[in-house]
Amino acid sequence: MQPAAHDRSEIRPQPGSDHRLLRRRSDLVVMAMNGWGEAHPAWWLNLQANPDATVVLPGGEERAVRATEATGNERDRLWATFRTLEDDGTDLDALAALRSRRTPVVVLAPTVA
């Protein structure tokens, strides 16, 4: 997911990106990463500064959301779910270990627009 160039509060999942978008009840969940590079993605830095945003899903559906970083047991459960999505044998934990800091897991909860 990356912010659209014209609006820092708009998030658009990019086709072919390495970000998986999890749907958990009414929330959307994503890992904040630039591939497995060290730097956090700009969209995550923008959301830390202003957590209210609009997600534009494939097909054009727009959702007003508030972003929070999952922590503790919630993060562990979500990370485990992302791990199950790697059906090609990718070792998510080994890739994450390439970074010196923990990959943020971001929960995008719906808000009233």
Protein backbone atom coordinates (compact mmCIF):
# COMPACT_ATOMS: atom_id res chain seq x y z
CA MET A 1 0.00 0.00 0.00
CA GLN A 2 1.22 3.45 -0.81
CA PRO A 3 -0.29 6.89 -0.52
CA ALA A 4 -1.55 8.38 -3.73
CA ALA A 5 0.77 11.11 -4.95
CA HIS A 6 -1.88 13.83 -4.73
CA ASP A 7 -3.18 13.16 -1.23
CA ARG A 8 -1.06 12.12 1.75
CA SER A 9 -4.15 10.80 3.55
CA GLU A 10 -5.21 8.44 0.76
CA ILE A 11 -3.92 4.86 0.74
CA ARG A 12 -4.05 2.70 -2.37
CA PRO A 13 -2.93 -0.93 -2.41
CA GLN A 14 -0.62 -1.16 -5.42
CA PRO A 15 -0.97 -4.06 -7.86
CA GLY A 16 2.11 -6.25 -7.70
CA SER A 17 3.24 -4.85 -4.35
CA ASP A 18 4.57 -7.19 -1.70
CA HIS A 19 2.00 -6.01 0.81
CA ARG A 20 -0.74 -8.37 1.76
CA LEU A 21 -3.99 -6.82 2.86
CA LEU A 22 -5.75 -8.84 5.52
CA ARG A 23 -9.43 -8.38 6.23
CA ARG A 24 -10.29 -8.90 9.89
CA ARG A 25 -13.96 -8.36 10.58
CA SER A 26 -14.48 -4.75 9.44
CA ASP A 27 -10.76 -3.87 9.80
CA LEU A 28 -8.04 -4.01 7.19
CA VAL A 29 -4.55 -5.06 8.34
CA VAL A 30 -1.22 -4.58 6.55
CA MET A 31 2.50 -4.86 7.33
CA ALA A 32 4.29 -1.50 7.10
CA MET A 33 7.37 -2.21 5.03
CA ASN A 34 9.33 -1.29 1.90
CA GLY A 35 10.01 -4.80 0.76
CA TRP A 36 12.41 -6.01 3.41
CA GLY A 37 14.41 -2.78 3.35
CA GLU A 38 15.29 -0.97 6.54
CA ALA A 39 13.26 2.22 6.14
CA HIS A 40 9.58 2.43 7.00
CA PRO A 41 7.37 3.31 4.03
CA ALA A 42 6.28 6.93 3.65
CA TRP A 43 2.60 5.98 3.94
CA TRP A 44 3.23 4.58 7.44
CA LEU A 45 5.13 7.70 8.51
CA ASN A 46 2.22 9.79 7.19
CA LEU A 47 -0.28 7.69 9.15
CA GLN A 48 1.77 8.03 12.33
CA ALA A 49 1.54 11.82 11.94
CA ASN A 50 -2.17 11.74 11.02
CA PRO A 51 -3.90 8.37 11.54
CA ASP A 52 -7.11 9.32 9.71
CA ALA A 53 -7.06 8.32 6.05
CA THR A 54 -9.04 6.97 3.14
CA VAL A 55 -8.23 3.54 1.75
CA VAL A 56 -9.03 3.03 -1.93
CA LEU A 57 -9.41 -0.69 -2.53
CA PRO A 58 -9.06 -2.45 -5.88
CA GLY A 59 -12.28 -1.80 -7.76
CA GLY A 60 -12.50 1.75 -6.42
CA GLU A 61 -14.24 1.15 -3.09
CA GLU A 62 -13.24 3.89 -0.64
CA ARG A 63 -13.15 3.48 3.14
CA ALA A 64 -12.50 6.09 5.80
CA VAL A 65 -10.14 4.53 8.36
CA ARG A 66 -8.07 5.28 11.44
CA ALA A 67 -4.67 3.60 11.61
CA THR A 68 -3.15 2.12 14.76
CA GLU A 69 -0.14 -0.10 15.25
CA ALA A 70 -0.96 -3.55 16.61
CA THR A 71 1.05 -4.40 19.72
CA GLY A 72 1.49 -7.30 22.14
CA ASN A 73 -0.73 -10.33 21.68
CA GLU A 74 -2.78 -8.66 18.95
CA ARG A 75 0.37 -8.11 16.84
CA ASP A 76 1.54 -11.68 17.50
CA ARG A 77 -1.82 -13.10 16.35
CA LEU A 78 -1.90 -10.94 13.22
CA TRP A 79 1.73 -11.76 12.37
CA ALA A 80 0.88 -15.46 12.70
CA THR A 81 -2.01 -14.95 10.27
CA PHE A 82 0.29 -13.24 7.75
CA ARG A 83 2.67 -16.19 8.16
CA THR A 84 -0.10 -18.59 7.00
CA LEU A 85 -0.55 -16.57 3.79
CA GLU A 86 2.94 -17.46 2.59
CA ASP A 87 1.92 -20.52 0.61
CA ASP A 88 5.05 -20.49 -1.57
CA GLY A 89 7.37 -21.63 1.22
CA THR A 90 8.54 -18.10 2.08
CA ASP A 91 9.81 -17.86 5.66
CA LEU A 92 8.28 -14.59 6.86
CA ASP A 93 10.23 -14.66 10.13
CA ALA A 94 13.57 -15.15 8.32
CA LEU A 95 12.82 -12.23 6.02
CA ALA A 96 11.77 -10.04 8.94
CA ALA A 97 15.05 -10.89 10.68
CA LEU A 98 16.87 -9.10 7.86
CA ARG A 99 15.62 -5.82 9.34
CA SER A 100 17.11 -4.36 12.52
CA ARG A 101 13.68 -3.37 13.80
CA ARG A 102 10.33 -5.05 14.07
CA THR A 103 7.96 -4.71 11.12
CA PRO A 104 4.91 -2.71 12.21
CA VAL A 105 1.54 -4.39 11.74
CA VAL A 106 -1.03 -1.68 11.01
CA VAL A 107 -4.75 -2.01 11.73
CA LEU A 108 -6.99 0.22 9.59
CA ALA A 109 -10.30 0.45 11.43
CA PRO A 110 -13.33 1.98 9.71
CA THR A 111 -14.52 5.41 10.78
CA VAL A 112 -17.50 7.51 9.81
CA ALA A 113 -16.43 9.74 6.94
